[in-house]
Amino acid sequence: RQTQYQLKVRMGHRLQDFLFLPYKAMADPAVRTLYSKYVNAYTIHEEFDDLRRPEDVAKYWVALAAIFEENQNVTSLLGMARRRIIRLDPGLAPTFDNFVSSFLVSRIGT
């Protein structure tokens, strides 16, 4: 249960980070895809509210494995987004780079 709680909190923080990005960054298709992936993962964690029975824990771990598989291309999506965003508006580089940095550090910590 503690793992589930911590993952949900961390995903909530990443979702909040997305919401502080400038509109031009959020309008990028790769950023929107990443945001949707995180919303979906957060929603899945919400569905597993109470993990008291072994069957529920087993279902949760299967769902976690599916989330992991779906999110294998996160770094390439971030790279594509950065290239497009910087080409659109070079002034967004520091903001987006800070976002990417904290995003990747939180993924490593998870």
Protein backbone atom coordinates (compact mmCIF):
# COMPACT_ATOMS: atom_id res chain seq x y z
CA ARG A 1 0.00 0.00 0.00
CA GLN A 2 2.84 2.39 0.77
CA THR A 3 4.31 1.88 -2.71
CA GLN A 4 0.94 2.56 -4.29
CA TYR A 5 0.52 5.73 -2.25
CA GLN A 6 4.02 7.00 -3.06
CA LEU A 7 3.63 6.34 -6.79
CA LYS A 8 0.29 8.13 -6.83
CA VAL A 9 1.76 11.15 -5.03
CA ARG A 10 4.75 11.30 -7.40
CA MET A 11 2.51 11.07 -10.45
CA GLY A 12 0.32 13.81 -9.02
CA HIS A 13 3.38 16.04 -8.69
CA ARG A 14 4.42 15.33 -12.29
CA LEU A 15 0.90 16.17 -13.47
CA GLN A 16 1.12 19.44 -11.58
CA ASP A 17 4.47 20.16 -13.26
CA PHE A 18 2.81 19.71 -16.66
CA LEU A 19 0.15 22.26 -15.74
CA PHE A 20 2.81 24.90 -15.05
CA LEU A 21 4.30 24.58 -18.52
CA PRO A 22 3.59 27.43 -20.94
CA TYR A 23 0.76 26.88 -23.41
CA LYS A 24 3.18 26.59 -26.33
CA ALA A 25 4.86 23.64 -24.62
CA MET A 26 1.59 21.93 -23.67
CA ALA A 27 0.34 22.34 -27.23
CA ASP A 28 3.13 20.08 -28.51
CA PRO A 29 1.75 16.63 -29.48
CA ALA A 30 4.52 14.74 -27.64
CA VAL A 31 3.93 16.71 -24.43
CA ARG A 32 0.19 16.10 -24.70
CA THR A 33 0.86 12.39 -25.21
CA LEU A 34 3.07 12.28 -22.11
CA TYR A 35 0.49 14.18 -20.10
CA SER A 36 -2.22 11.73 -21.21
CA LYS A 37 -0.02 8.79 -20.23
CA TYR A 38 0.45 10.25 -16.76
CA VAL A 39 -3.26 10.99 -16.37
CA ASN A 40 -4.02 7.40 -17.38
CA ALA A 41 -1.46 6.01 -14.93
CA TYR A 42 -2.80 8.20 -12.12
CA THR A 43 -6.35 7.07 -12.89
CA ILE A 44 -5.30 3.42 -12.75
CA HIS A 45 -3.77 4.02 -9.32
CA GLU A 46 -7.02 5.64 -8.20
CA GLU A 47 -8.92 2.52 -9.25
CA PHE A 48 -6.86 0.42 -6.84
CA ASP A 49 -7.85 2.30 -3.73
CA ASP A 50 -7.69 -0.53 -1.20
CA LEU A 51 -5.11 -3.31 -1.53
CA ARG A 52 -6.05 -5.62 1.32
CA ARG A 53 -6.58 -8.91 -0.50
CA PRO A 54 -3.84 -10.81 -2.33
CA GLU A 55 -5.99 -10.86 -5.49
CA ASP A 56 -6.15 -7.06 -5.47
CA VAL A 57 -2.39 -6.81 -5.03
CA ALA A 58 -1.85 -9.20 -7.94
CA LYS A 59 -4.16 -7.13 -10.18
CA TYR A 60 -2.35 -3.98 -9.12
CA TRP A 61 1.06 -5.42 -10.07
CA VAL A 62 -0.30 -6.48 -13.46
CA ALA A 63 -1.59 -2.93 -13.97
CA LEU A 64 1.82 -1.54 -12.94
CA ALA A 65 3.55 -3.79 -15.47
CA ALA A 66 1.20 -2.52 -18.19
CA ILE A 67 1.93 1.10 -17.23
CA PHE A 68 5.65 0.36 -17.36
CA GLU A 69 5.31 -1.16 -20.84
CA GLU A 70 3.25 1.78 -22.10
CA ASN A 71 5.82 4.30 -20.89
CA GLN A 72 8.98 2.86 -22.42
CA ASN A 73 9.28 5.72 -24.94
CA VAL A 74 9.05 8.64 -22.51
CA THR A 75 12.59 9.93 -23.09
CA SER A 76 12.22 9.88 -26.87
CA LEU A 77 8.91 11.77 -26.57
CA LEU A 78 10.62 14.37 -24.38
CA GLY A 79 13.42 14.72 -26.94
CA MET A 80 11.00 15.18 -29.83
CA ALA A 81 9.03 17.71 -27.82
CA ARG A 82 12.14 19.67 -26.90
CA ARG A 83 13.32 19.90 -30.50
CA ARG A 84 9.93 21.16 -31.69
CA ILE A 85 9.38 23.54 -28.79
CA ILE A 86 12.83 25.13 -29.12
CA ARG A 87 12.35 25.48 -32.86
CA LEU A 88 8.98 27.17 -32.21
CA ASP A 89 10.26 29.50 -29.49
CA PRO A 90 13.92 29.37 -28.38
CA GLY A 91 13.01 31.41 -25.30
CA LEU A 92 11.18 28.37 -23.90
CA ALA A 93 14.43 26.37 -23.64
CA PRO A 94 15.21 27.18 -19.97
CA THR A 95 11.65 26.51 -18.81
CA PHE A 96 11.30 23.27 -20.73
CA ASP A 97 14.79 22.10 -19.78
CA ASN A 98 14.00 22.63 -16.08
CA PHE A 99 10.78 20.66 -16.54
CA VAL A 100 12.63 17.81 -18.29
CA SER A 101 15.34 17.78 -15.64
CA SER A 102 12.94 17.45 -12.71
CA PHE A 103 10.81 15.01 -14.72
CA LEU A 104 13.76 12.68 -15.36
CA VAL A 105 15.11 12.95 -11.83
CA SER A 106 11.71 11.94 -10.44
CA ARG A 107 11.55 8.98 -12.86
CA ILE A 108 14.99 7.81 -11.73
CA GLY A 109 13.92 8.12 -8.11
CA THR A 110 10.83 6.03 -8.71
